[in-house]
N, C-alpha and C. Protein backbone atom coordinates (compact mmCIF):
# COMPACT_ATOMS: atom_id res chain seq x y z
N MET A 1 -12.86 17.68 -0.89
CA MET A 1 -13.11 16.27 -1.16
C MET A 1 -14.56 15.97 -0.86
N HIS A 2 -15.17 15.12 -1.68
CA HIS A 2 -16.50 14.62 -1.37
C HIS A 2 -16.59 13.15 -1.79
N ILE A 3 -17.54 12.43 -1.20
CA ILE A 3 -17.75 11.04 -1.58
C ILE A 3 -18.53 11.03 -2.88
N SER A 4 -17.91 10.49 -3.92
CA SER A 4 -18.54 10.49 -5.24
C SER A 4 -19.27 9.19 -5.54
N ASN A 5 -18.98 8.12 -4.80
CA ASN A 5 -19.67 6.86 -4.99
C ASN A 5 -19.42 5.96 -3.79
N LEU A 6 -20.36 5.08 -3.53
CA LEU A 6 -20.28 4.19 -2.37
C LEU A 6 -21.07 2.94 -2.69
N GLY A 7 -20.51 1.76 -2.39
CA GLY A 7 -21.27 0.54 -2.65
C GLY A 7 -20.49 -0.71 -2.31
N PHE A 8 -21.16 -1.85 -2.47
CA PHE A 8 -20.57 -3.16 -2.19
C PHE A 8 -20.37 -3.90 -3.51
N ILE A 9 -19.16 -4.44 -3.71
CA ILE A 9 -18.85 -5.25 -4.87
C ILE A 9 -18.09 -6.48 -4.37
N ASN A 10 -18.64 -7.69 -4.64
CA ASN A 10 -17.99 -8.94 -4.25
C ASN A 10 -17.54 -8.92 -2.79
N ASN A 11 -18.44 -8.57 -1.91
CA ASN A 11 -18.19 -8.54 -0.46
C ASN A 11 -17.05 -7.61 -0.07
N ARG A 12 -16.90 -6.54 -0.82
CA ARG A 12 -15.95 -5.47 -0.52
C ARG A 12 -16.73 -4.15 -0.48
N LEU A 13 -16.44 -3.34 0.52
CA LEU A 13 -17.03 -2.00 0.61
C LEU A 13 -16.12 -1.04 -0.14
N HIS A 14 -16.67 -0.35 -1.14
CA HIS A 14 -15.92 0.63 -1.93
C HIS A 14 -16.43 2.02 -1.59
N ILE A 15 -15.51 2.91 -1.25
CA ILE A 15 -15.84 4.32 -1.03
C ILE A 15 -14.96 5.13 -1.96
N GLN A 16 -15.60 5.77 -2.93
CA GLN A 16 -14.86 6.55 -3.92
C GLN A 16 -14.96 8.02 -3.55
N THR A 17 -13.83 8.70 -3.50
CA THR A 17 -13.81 10.13 -3.18
C THR A 17 -13.25 10.91 -4.36
N LYS A 18 -13.74 12.12 -4.52
CA LYS A 18 -13.24 13.02 -5.56
C LYS A 18 -12.59 14.21 -4.87
N TRP A 19 -11.36 14.47 -5.24
CA TRP A 19 -10.60 15.57 -4.65
C TRP A 19 -10.55 16.73 -5.63
N THR A 20 -10.60 17.94 -5.14
CA THR A 20 -10.58 19.12 -6.00
C THR A 20 -9.23 19.25 -6.69
N GLY A 21 -9.25 19.72 -7.92
CA GLY A 21 -8.03 19.81 -8.71
C GLY A 21 -7.11 20.95 -8.31
N ASP A 22 -7.62 21.98 -7.61
CA ASP A 22 -6.78 23.13 -7.29
C ASP A 22 -6.12 23.00 -5.92
N ASP A 23 -6.21 21.84 -5.33
CA ASP A 23 -5.65 21.63 -4.00
C ASP A 23 -4.19 21.20 -4.12
N ILE A 24 -3.37 21.54 -3.13
CA ILE A 24 -1.95 21.22 -3.19
C ILE A 24 -1.60 19.98 -2.40
N ASP A 25 -2.02 19.92 -1.14
CA ASP A 25 -1.59 18.80 -0.31
C ASP A 25 -2.64 18.36 0.70
N SER A 26 -3.91 18.65 0.47
CA SER A 26 -4.92 18.11 1.39
C SER A 26 -4.96 16.60 1.20
N HIS A 27 -5.15 15.88 2.28
CA HIS A 27 -5.13 14.42 2.20
C HIS A 27 -5.90 13.84 3.37
N GLY A 28 -6.13 12.55 3.32
CA GLY A 28 -6.85 11.91 4.40
C GLY A 28 -6.98 10.43 4.20
N ASP A 29 -7.75 9.81 5.09
CA ASP A 29 -7.88 8.36 5.06
C ASP A 29 -9.17 7.96 5.76
N PHE A 30 -9.88 7.00 5.19
CA PHE A 30 -11.05 6.40 5.83
C PHE A 30 -10.62 5.12 6.54
N TYR A 31 -11.31 4.77 7.61
CA TYR A 31 -11.12 3.49 8.26
C TYR A 31 -12.41 3.09 8.95
N LEU A 32 -12.57 1.80 9.19
CA LEU A 32 -13.71 1.29 9.96
C LEU A 32 -13.23 1.07 11.38
N ILE A 33 -14.12 1.26 12.35
CA ILE A 33 -13.75 1.03 13.74
C ILE A 33 -14.81 0.17 14.39
N ASP A 34 -14.38 -0.86 15.14
CA ASP A 34 -15.34 -1.76 15.78
C ASP A 34 -15.68 -1.26 17.18
N THR A 35 -16.54 -1.97 17.87
CA THR A 35 -17.01 -1.54 19.19
C THR A 35 -15.89 -1.53 20.23
N SER A 36 -14.79 -2.24 19.98
CA SER A 36 -13.65 -2.24 20.90
C SER A 36 -12.64 -1.15 20.58
N GLY A 37 -12.89 -0.39 19.52
CA GLY A 37 -11.98 0.68 19.13
C GLY A 37 -10.89 0.27 18.18
N ASN A 38 -10.93 -0.97 17.68
CA ASN A 38 -9.92 -1.44 16.72
C ASN A 38 -10.19 -0.84 15.35
N LYS A 39 -9.12 -0.40 14.69
CA LYS A 39 -9.25 0.19 13.36
C LYS A 39 -9.05 -0.88 12.29
N ILE A 40 -9.86 -0.79 11.24
CA ILE A 40 -9.74 -1.67 10.08
C ILE A 40 -9.46 -0.76 8.89
N HIS A 41 -8.26 -0.88 8.33
CA HIS A 41 -7.85 0.03 7.25
C HIS A 41 -8.19 -0.55 5.88
N ALA A 42 -8.26 0.32 4.91
CA ALA A 42 -8.63 -0.05 3.55
C ALA A 42 -7.40 -0.10 2.65
N SER A 43 -7.57 -0.75 1.51
CA SER A 43 -6.62 -0.61 0.41
C SER A 43 -7.03 0.62 -0.38
N ASN A 44 -6.09 1.28 -1.04
CA ASN A 44 -6.40 2.50 -1.79
C ASN A 44 -6.03 2.34 -3.26
N ILE A 45 -6.86 2.91 -4.11
CA ILE A 45 -6.56 3.01 -5.54
C ILE A 45 -6.68 4.48 -5.92
N TYR A 46 -5.64 5.03 -6.55
CA TYR A 46 -5.63 6.42 -6.99
C TYR A 46 -5.81 6.44 -8.50
N PHE A 47 -6.67 7.32 -9.01
CA PHE A 47 -6.84 7.41 -10.46
C PHE A 47 -7.44 8.76 -10.85
N GLY A 48 -7.37 9.06 -12.13
CA GLY A 48 -7.97 10.24 -12.71
C GLY A 48 -8.89 9.84 -13.84
N VAL A 49 -9.58 10.80 -14.40
CA VAL A 49 -10.49 10.55 -15.51
C VAL A 49 -10.18 11.56 -16.62
N VAL A 50 -9.95 11.06 -17.84
CA VAL A 50 -9.68 11.94 -18.98
C VAL A 50 -11.00 12.44 -19.56
N LYS A 51 -10.93 13.36 -20.51
CA LYS A 51 -12.12 13.99 -21.08
C LYS A 51 -13.10 12.99 -21.67
N LEU A 52 -12.61 11.89 -22.24
CA LEU A 52 -13.49 10.90 -22.85
C LEU A 52 -14.15 9.99 -21.81
N GLY A 53 -13.80 10.14 -20.54
CA GLY A 53 -14.41 9.34 -19.49
C GLY A 53 -13.61 8.13 -19.08
N ASN A 54 -12.48 7.89 -19.75
CA ASN A 54 -11.64 6.74 -19.40
C ASN A 54 -10.78 7.07 -18.18
N THR A 55 -10.46 6.05 -17.41
CA THR A 55 -9.62 6.27 -16.24
C THR A 55 -8.15 6.18 -16.63
N ASN A 56 -7.32 6.91 -15.90
CA ASN A 56 -5.88 6.86 -16.07
C ASN A 56 -5.23 7.12 -14.72
N TYR A 57 -3.91 7.05 -14.68
CA TYR A 57 -3.21 7.29 -13.43
C TYR A 57 -3.40 8.75 -13.03
N GLY A 58 -3.64 8.99 -11.77
CA GLY A 58 -3.78 10.34 -11.26
C GLY A 58 -4.21 10.33 -9.81
N ASN A 59 -4.50 11.50 -9.27
CA ASN A 59 -4.95 11.57 -7.88
C ASN A 59 -6.23 12.37 -7.73
N GLU A 60 -6.98 12.49 -8.82
CA GLU A 60 -8.26 13.19 -8.77
C GLU A 60 -9.28 12.40 -7.94
N TYR A 61 -9.21 11.07 -8.02
CA TYR A 61 -10.08 10.19 -7.26
C TYR A 61 -9.24 9.25 -6.40
N ILE A 62 -9.76 8.92 -5.22
CA ILE A 62 -9.19 7.85 -4.41
C ILE A 62 -10.33 6.93 -4.05
N GLU A 63 -10.12 5.63 -4.28
CA GLU A 63 -11.13 4.65 -3.92
C GLU A 63 -10.58 3.79 -2.77
N TYR A 64 -11.31 3.81 -1.66
CA TYR A 64 -10.96 3.03 -0.47
C TYR A 64 -11.74 1.72 -0.54
N ILE A 65 -11.05 0.59 -0.42
CA ILE A 65 -11.69 -0.72 -0.55
C ILE A 65 -11.44 -1.51 0.73
N PHE A 66 -12.54 -1.85 1.42
CA PHE A 66 -12.48 -2.61 2.66
C PHE A 66 -12.91 -4.05 2.40
N ASP A 67 -12.11 -5.00 2.85
CA ASP A 67 -12.49 -6.41 2.82
C ASP A 67 -13.38 -6.66 4.03
N ILE A 68 -14.68 -6.91 3.79
CA ILE A 68 -15.62 -7.06 4.91
C ILE A 68 -16.02 -8.50 5.16
N ASP A 69 -15.29 -9.45 4.55
CA ASP A 69 -15.53 -10.87 4.87
C ASP A 69 -15.35 -11.06 6.37
N ASN A 70 -16.20 -11.82 6.98
CA ASN A 70 -16.13 -12.15 8.40
C ASN A 70 -16.27 -10.93 9.32
N LEU A 71 -16.84 -9.85 8.82
CA LEU A 71 -17.09 -8.67 9.65
C LEU A 71 -18.58 -8.41 9.75
N GLU A 72 -19.02 -7.98 10.91
CA GLU A 72 -20.42 -7.57 11.09
C GLU A 72 -20.49 -6.08 10.74
N ILE A 73 -20.78 -5.79 9.48
CA ILE A 73 -20.69 -4.42 8.97
C ILE A 73 -21.62 -3.46 9.73
N ASN A 74 -22.76 -3.96 10.20
CA ASN A 74 -23.69 -3.07 10.90
C ASN A 74 -23.21 -2.75 12.32
N ARG A 75 -22.11 -3.37 12.77
CA ARG A 75 -21.56 -3.07 14.10
C ARG A 75 -20.28 -2.22 13.99
N LEU A 76 -19.98 -1.74 12.78
CA LEU A 76 -18.79 -0.94 12.55
C LEU A 76 -19.18 0.50 12.25
N ASN A 77 -18.30 1.42 12.58
CA ASN A 77 -18.49 2.82 12.23
C ASN A 77 -17.43 3.23 11.21
N LEU A 78 -17.85 4.01 10.23
CA LEU A 78 -16.92 4.55 9.24
C LEU A 78 -16.38 5.87 9.79
N MET A 79 -15.05 5.96 9.85
CA MET A 79 -14.41 7.16 10.39
C MET A 79 -13.39 7.65 9.36
N GLY A 80 -12.90 8.83 9.58
CA GLY A 80 -11.88 9.36 8.68
C GLY A 80 -11.03 10.41 9.37
N ASP A 81 -9.80 10.50 8.94
CA ASP A 81 -8.88 11.56 9.35
C ASP A 81 -8.50 12.32 8.10
N PHE A 82 -8.76 13.62 8.08
CA PHE A 82 -8.49 14.43 6.90
C PHE A 82 -7.78 15.71 7.29
N VAL A 83 -6.87 16.13 6.44
CA VAL A 83 -6.07 17.32 6.68
C VAL A 83 -6.18 18.24 5.48
N SER A 84 -6.48 19.50 5.73
CA SER A 84 -6.53 20.49 4.66
C SER A 84 -5.26 21.32 4.70
N ASN A 85 -4.70 21.61 3.53
CA ASN A 85 -3.45 22.35 3.49
C ASN A 85 -3.61 23.83 3.81
N GLY A 86 -4.84 24.33 3.89
CA GLY A 86 -5.05 25.74 4.25
C GLY A 86 -4.54 26.67 3.17
N ASN A 87 -3.85 27.71 3.60
CA ASN A 87 -3.36 28.72 2.65
C ASN A 87 -2.18 28.20 1.85
N HIS A 88 -2.14 28.59 0.60
CA HIS A 88 -1.04 28.21 -0.29
C HIS A 88 -0.52 29.49 -0.93
N THR A 89 0.77 29.75 -0.75
CA THR A 89 1.36 30.98 -1.26
C THR A 89 2.10 30.70 -2.55
N LYS A 90 1.70 31.40 -3.62
CA LYS A 90 2.37 31.27 -4.91
C LYS A 90 3.35 32.42 -5.08
N GLY A 91 4.35 32.19 -5.90
CA GLY A 91 5.28 33.27 -6.21
C GLY A 91 6.72 32.89 -5.92
N ASN A 92 7.59 33.87 -6.06
CA ASN A 92 9.02 33.67 -5.86
C ASN A 92 9.34 33.99 -4.40
N TRP A 93 9.42 32.97 -3.57
CA TRP A 93 9.68 33.19 -2.15
C TRP A 93 10.55 32.06 -1.62
N ASN A 94 11.14 32.26 -0.47
CA ASN A 94 11.92 31.21 0.20
C ASN A 94 11.88 31.45 1.69
N THR A 95 12.34 30.46 2.42
CA THR A 95 12.38 30.55 3.87
C THR A 95 13.56 29.76 4.39
N THR A 96 13.98 30.05 5.62
CA THR A 96 15.03 29.28 6.27
C THR A 96 14.53 28.86 7.65
N PHE A 97 14.99 27.73 8.10
CA PHE A 97 14.62 27.26 9.43
C PHE A 97 15.67 26.29 9.93
N LYS A 98 15.70 26.10 11.25
CA LYS A 98 16.65 25.19 11.86
C LYS A 98 15.94 23.88 12.17
N ILE A 99 16.63 22.79 11.93
CA ILE A 99 16.10 21.47 12.25
C ILE A 99 16.92 20.92 13.41
N ARG A 100 16.22 20.61 14.51
CA ARG A 100 16.89 20.02 15.65
C ARG A 100 17.04 18.52 15.46
N SER A 101 18.04 17.96 16.08
CA SER A 101 18.22 16.51 16.06
C SER A 101 17.04 15.85 16.74
N VAL A 102 16.62 14.69 16.23
CA VAL A 102 15.47 13.99 16.81
C VAL A 102 15.86 13.21 18.06
N GLY A 103 17.09 13.22 18.43
CA GLY A 103 17.50 12.50 19.64
C GLY A 103 18.13 11.17 19.31
N LYS A 104 18.52 10.50 20.36
CA LYS A 104 19.20 9.23 20.18
C LYS A 104 18.21 8.09 20.05
N GLU A 105 18.67 7.05 19.40
CA GLU A 105 17.90 5.82 19.29
C GLU A 105 18.29 4.89 20.42
N LYS A 106 17.38 3.99 20.74
CA LYS A 106 17.69 2.94 21.70
C LYS A 106 17.49 1.61 21.00
N ASN A 107 18.53 0.77 20.99
CA ASN A 107 18.49 -0.55 20.35
C ASN A 107 18.43 -1.63 21.41
N MET A 108 17.61 -2.65 21.14
CA MET A 108 17.49 -3.77 22.07
C MET A 108 17.33 -5.06 21.28
N ASP A 109 17.78 -6.15 21.87
CA ASP A 109 17.48 -7.46 21.31
C ASP A 109 16.00 -7.75 21.57
N PHE A 110 15.35 -8.37 20.60
CA PHE A 110 13.93 -8.69 20.72
C PHE A 110 13.64 -9.88 19.83
N SER A 111 13.12 -10.95 20.40
CA SER A 111 12.85 -12.15 19.62
C SER A 111 11.35 -12.45 19.66
N LYS A 112 10.75 -12.47 18.47
CA LYS A 112 9.32 -12.80 18.37
C LYS A 112 9.06 -13.38 16.99
N ASN A 113 8.28 -14.47 16.95
CA ASN A 113 7.92 -15.12 15.70
C ASN A 113 6.61 -14.53 15.19
N PHE A 114 6.61 -14.03 13.94
CA PHE A 114 5.42 -13.47 13.31
C PHE A 114 4.91 -14.38 12.18
N GLY A 115 5.19 -15.66 12.28
CA GLY A 115 4.70 -16.61 11.28
C GLY A 115 5.66 -16.78 10.13
N THR A 116 5.70 -15.82 9.21
CA THR A 116 6.56 -15.93 8.04
C THR A 116 7.94 -15.31 8.26
N TRP A 117 8.11 -14.65 9.40
CA TRP A 117 9.41 -14.06 9.72
C TRP A 117 9.57 -13.96 11.23
N ARG A 118 10.82 -13.80 11.68
CA ARG A 118 11.12 -13.69 13.10
C ARG A 118 11.91 -12.40 13.34
N ALA A 119 11.41 -11.58 14.27
CA ALA A 119 12.12 -10.37 14.68
C ALA A 119 13.25 -10.75 15.62
N ASN A 120 14.39 -10.03 15.49
CA ASN A 120 15.51 -10.30 16.39
C ASN A 120 16.08 -9.04 17.04
N ARG A 121 15.58 -7.87 16.60
CA ARG A 121 16.10 -6.61 17.15
C ARG A 121 15.03 -5.54 17.02
N ILE A 122 15.06 -4.56 17.93
CA ILE A 122 14.12 -3.45 17.90
C ILE A 122 14.90 -2.15 18.12
N THR A 123 14.49 -1.11 17.40
CA THR A 123 15.06 0.22 17.57
C THR A 123 13.92 1.17 17.89
N VAL A 124 14.10 1.99 18.93
CA VAL A 124 13.10 2.99 19.31
C VAL A 124 13.74 4.36 19.17
N SER A 125 13.07 5.24 18.43
CA SER A 125 13.54 6.62 18.26
C SER A 125 12.32 7.54 18.35
N PRO A 126 12.53 8.85 18.42
CA PRO A 126 11.38 9.76 18.44
C PRO A 126 10.49 9.63 17.20
N LEU A 127 11.05 9.09 16.11
CA LEU A 127 10.29 8.94 14.88
C LEU A 127 9.45 7.67 14.84
N GLY A 128 9.72 6.70 15.73
CA GLY A 128 8.92 5.49 15.73
C GLY A 128 9.68 4.28 16.25
N ILE A 129 9.10 3.12 16.01
CA ILE A 129 9.67 1.86 16.47
C ILE A 129 9.91 0.99 15.24
N THR A 130 11.11 0.44 15.12
CA THR A 130 11.47 -0.39 13.97
C THR A 130 11.85 -1.78 14.44
N LEU A 131 11.26 -2.78 13.79
CA LEU A 131 11.60 -4.18 14.04
C LEU A 131 12.49 -4.67 12.91
N TYR A 132 13.52 -5.42 13.24
CA TYR A 132 14.42 -6.03 12.26
C TYR A 132 14.36 -7.53 12.44
N GLY A 133 14.41 -8.27 11.35
CA GLY A 133 14.38 -9.72 11.48
C GLY A 133 14.70 -10.42 10.18
N ASN A 134 14.38 -11.72 10.16
CA ASN A 134 14.66 -12.57 9.00
C ASN A 134 13.41 -13.34 8.59
N GLY A 135 13.27 -13.56 7.29
CA GLY A 135 12.14 -14.31 6.74
C GLY A 135 11.49 -13.52 5.63
N ASP A 136 10.20 -13.74 5.44
CA ASP A 136 9.43 -13.03 4.42
C ASP A 136 8.28 -12.31 5.10
N PHE A 137 8.25 -10.98 4.98
CA PHE A 137 7.20 -10.20 5.63
C PHE A 137 5.87 -10.44 4.92
N ASN A 138 4.82 -10.68 5.69
CA ASN A 138 3.47 -10.89 5.16
C ASN A 138 2.72 -9.57 5.26
N ASN A 139 2.49 -8.89 4.13
CA ASN A 139 1.85 -7.58 4.14
C ASN A 139 0.42 -7.60 4.65
N SER A 140 -0.23 -8.75 4.66
CA SER A 140 -1.61 -8.81 5.12
C SER A 140 -1.70 -8.94 6.64
N SER A 141 -0.57 -9.21 7.30
CA SER A 141 -0.62 -9.36 8.77
C SER A 141 -0.66 -8.00 9.43
N LYS A 142 -1.41 -7.92 10.51
CA LYS A 142 -1.57 -6.68 11.27
C LYS A 142 -0.81 -6.83 12.57
N ILE A 143 0.24 -6.05 12.74
CA ILE A 143 1.03 -6.06 13.97
C ILE A 143 0.64 -4.82 14.77
N VAL A 144 0.24 -5.02 16.02
CA VAL A 144 -0.20 -3.92 16.87
C VAL A 144 0.96 -3.49 17.76
N VAL A 145 1.35 -2.20 17.66
CA VAL A 145 2.48 -1.68 18.40
C VAL A 145 2.04 -0.43 19.17
N SER A 146 2.43 -0.35 20.44
CA SER A 146 2.11 0.82 21.25
C SER A 146 3.22 1.07 22.26
N ALA A 147 3.25 2.30 22.76
CA ALA A 147 4.22 2.69 23.79
C ALA A 147 3.44 3.18 25.00
N LYS A 148 3.71 2.58 26.17
CA LYS A 148 3.10 3.04 27.42
C LYS A 148 4.04 4.06 28.04
N MET A 149 3.51 5.23 28.34
CA MET A 149 4.32 6.31 28.87
C MET A 149 4.32 6.27 30.40
N ASN A 150 5.26 6.98 31.02
CA ASN A 150 5.37 7.01 32.48
C ASN A 150 4.11 7.54 33.16
N ASP A 151 3.35 8.41 32.49
CA ASP A 151 2.13 8.97 33.09
C ASP A 151 0.93 8.04 32.93
N GLY A 152 1.13 6.84 32.36
CA GLY A 152 0.05 5.87 32.19
C GLY A 152 -0.64 5.94 30.84
N SER A 153 -0.40 6.99 30.07
CA SER A 153 -1.02 7.10 28.75
C SER A 153 -0.37 6.11 27.78
N VAL A 154 -1.09 5.79 26.72
CA VAL A 154 -0.59 4.85 25.71
C VAL A 154 -0.59 5.54 24.36
N GLN A 155 0.52 5.48 23.68
CA GLN A 155 0.66 6.07 22.35
C GLN A 155 0.70 4.93 21.35
N THR A 156 -0.35 4.82 20.50
CA THR A 156 -0.43 3.76 19.51
C THR A 156 0.29 4.18 18.25
N LEU A 157 1.06 3.27 17.70
CA LEU A 157 1.77 3.52 16.45
C LEU A 157 1.01 2.79 15.35
N ASP A 158 0.10 3.50 14.70
CA ASP A 158 -0.85 2.85 13.80
C ASP A 158 -0.53 2.98 12.32
N SER A 159 0.64 3.50 12.00
CA SER A 159 1.06 3.58 10.61
C SER A 159 2.31 2.72 10.44
N MET A 160 2.32 1.86 9.41
CA MET A 160 3.44 0.93 9.25
C MET A 160 3.96 0.94 7.82
N THR A 161 5.26 0.87 7.69
CA THR A 161 5.90 0.63 6.40
C THR A 161 6.84 -0.55 6.59
N SER A 162 6.99 -1.35 5.55
CA SER A 162 7.85 -2.53 5.67
C SER A 162 8.72 -2.69 4.43
N PHE A 163 9.84 -3.36 4.63
CA PHE A 163 10.76 -3.64 3.54
C PHE A 163 11.31 -5.04 3.76
N SER A 164 11.28 -5.86 2.74
CA SER A 164 11.76 -7.23 2.84
C SER A 164 12.54 -7.58 1.58
N GLU A 165 13.81 -7.99 1.78
CA GLU A 165 14.63 -8.37 0.64
C GLU A 165 15.70 -9.34 1.11
N ASN A 166 15.93 -10.39 0.34
CA ASN A 166 16.93 -11.40 0.67
C ASN A 166 16.76 -11.93 2.08
N LYS A 167 15.50 -12.20 2.44
CA LYS A 167 15.16 -12.77 3.76
C LYS A 167 15.46 -11.83 4.93
N LYS A 168 15.74 -10.56 4.66
CA LYS A 168 15.91 -9.55 5.70
C LYS A 168 14.64 -8.71 5.76
N VAL A 169 14.11 -8.50 6.96
CA VAL A 169 12.85 -7.77 7.14
C VAL A 169 13.10 -6.53 7.99
N LYS A 170 12.48 -5.43 7.58
CA LYS A 170 12.50 -4.20 8.36
C LYS A 170 11.07 -3.66 8.36
N ALA A 171 10.46 -3.54 9.54
CA ALA A 171 9.10 -3.03 9.67
C ALA A 171 9.12 -1.84 10.61
N LYS A 172 8.71 -0.67 10.10
CA LYS A 172 8.75 0.56 10.89
C LYS A 172 7.33 0.99 11.22
N PHE A 173 7.10 1.32 12.50
CA PHE A 173 5.80 1.74 13.00
C PHE A 173 5.90 3.19 13.44
N LEU A 174 5.00 4.01 12.91
CA LEU A 174 5.05 5.45 13.16
C LEU A 174 3.87 5.89 13.99
N SER A 175 4.07 6.93 14.76
CA SER A 175 3.02 7.52 15.57
C SER A 175 2.65 8.87 14.97
N SER A 176 1.46 9.35 15.30
CA SER A 176 1.06 10.66 14.79
C SER A 176 1.84 11.78 15.47
N LEU A 177 2.43 11.50 16.64
CA LEU A 177 3.26 12.47 17.36
C LEU A 177 4.62 11.86 17.64
N PRO A 178 5.68 12.67 17.75
CA PRO A 178 6.99 12.11 18.09
C PRO A 178 6.96 11.44 19.46
N LEU A 179 7.77 10.40 19.60
CA LEU A 179 7.88 9.69 20.88
C LEU A 179 8.94 10.37 21.75
N ASP A 180 8.59 10.66 22.99
CA ASP A 180 9.57 11.16 23.95
C ASP A 180 10.18 9.94 24.63
N ILE A 181 11.34 9.51 24.16
CA ILE A 181 11.96 8.28 24.62
C ILE A 181 12.19 8.30 26.13
N SER A 182 12.50 9.47 26.69
CA SER A 182 12.79 9.55 28.12
C SER A 182 11.54 9.26 28.97
N LYS A 183 10.36 9.29 28.38
CA LYS A 183 9.12 9.08 29.13
C LYS A 183 8.45 7.75 28.82
N ILE A 184 9.11 6.87 28.07
CA ILE A 184 8.53 5.56 27.75
C ILE A 184 8.78 4.59 28.89
N GLU A 185 7.71 3.96 29.37
CA GLU A 185 7.81 2.94 30.42
C GLU A 185 7.98 1.55 29.81
N SER A 186 7.18 1.26 28.76
CA SER A 186 7.27 -0.04 28.11
C SER A 186 6.75 0.06 26.68
N ILE A 187 7.14 -0.94 25.88
CA ILE A 187 6.70 -1.07 24.49
C ILE A 187 5.90 -2.36 24.40
N ASN A 188 4.76 -2.33 23.70
CA ASN A 188 3.96 -3.53 23.52
C ASN A 188 3.90 -3.85 22.02
N ILE A 189 4.36 -5.05 21.67
CA ILE A 189 4.35 -5.49 20.28
C ILE A 189 3.54 -6.76 20.20
N ASP A 190 2.34 -6.66 19.64
CA ASP A 190 1.44 -7.80 19.49
C ASP A 190 1.28 -8.59 20.79
N GLY A 191 1.11 -7.88 21.90
CA GLY A 191 0.88 -8.53 23.18
C GLY A 191 2.13 -8.84 23.97
N THR A 192 3.30 -8.70 23.38
CA THR A 192 4.56 -8.91 24.10
C THR A 192 5.03 -7.57 24.65
N GLU A 193 5.13 -7.47 25.97
CA GLU A 193 5.52 -6.21 26.59
C GLU A 193 7.02 -6.20 26.89
N ILE A 194 7.67 -5.10 26.52
CA ILE A 194 9.11 -4.94 26.71
C ILE A 194 9.30 -3.77 27.66
N ASP A 195 9.87 -4.03 28.83
CA ASP A 195 10.19 -2.92 29.75
C ASP A 195 11.26 -2.06 29.14
N PHE A 196 11.06 -0.76 29.24
CA PHE A 196 11.97 0.16 28.61
C PHE A 196 12.90 0.68 29.69
């Protein structure tokens, strides 16, 4: 991958990347980070280019678009997390492996108003933390979720997926590493601390 274009359009920072065509699963993400360590994530557009130069759907290019309104751009750092797939084996092959259970979930009542919706329950599992509630989820809102461990370390869950239908909301927060539920001291959701 390399940066193929970079610039400002209508107070948005655009970073266009070109990915090699012979790659299988290398991937990554750019983000801005402020002096306090807060991450500002981008919107992504995936596209390809046909022989005539027109764009079409594809994954040859990814354009990261940051809304920089109300941000001091010269006080931010551009960072990225990228993963290369390494070796790729072609041919007629197979493998077997055992999958262990991820462990039990812990469910708790949890009430918090997020403006357009209200959470009423939380589930914690090794795969992440899920909030359940009612209302309409606002995709532009940033909910900060972390787990404080017994040793004092904090595990931030900085990846989120959400689903909202018929006034039912489900927002799942994932960590880069599995959560060891037996070692969680507390959960922090947008400043509300829940003793575990």
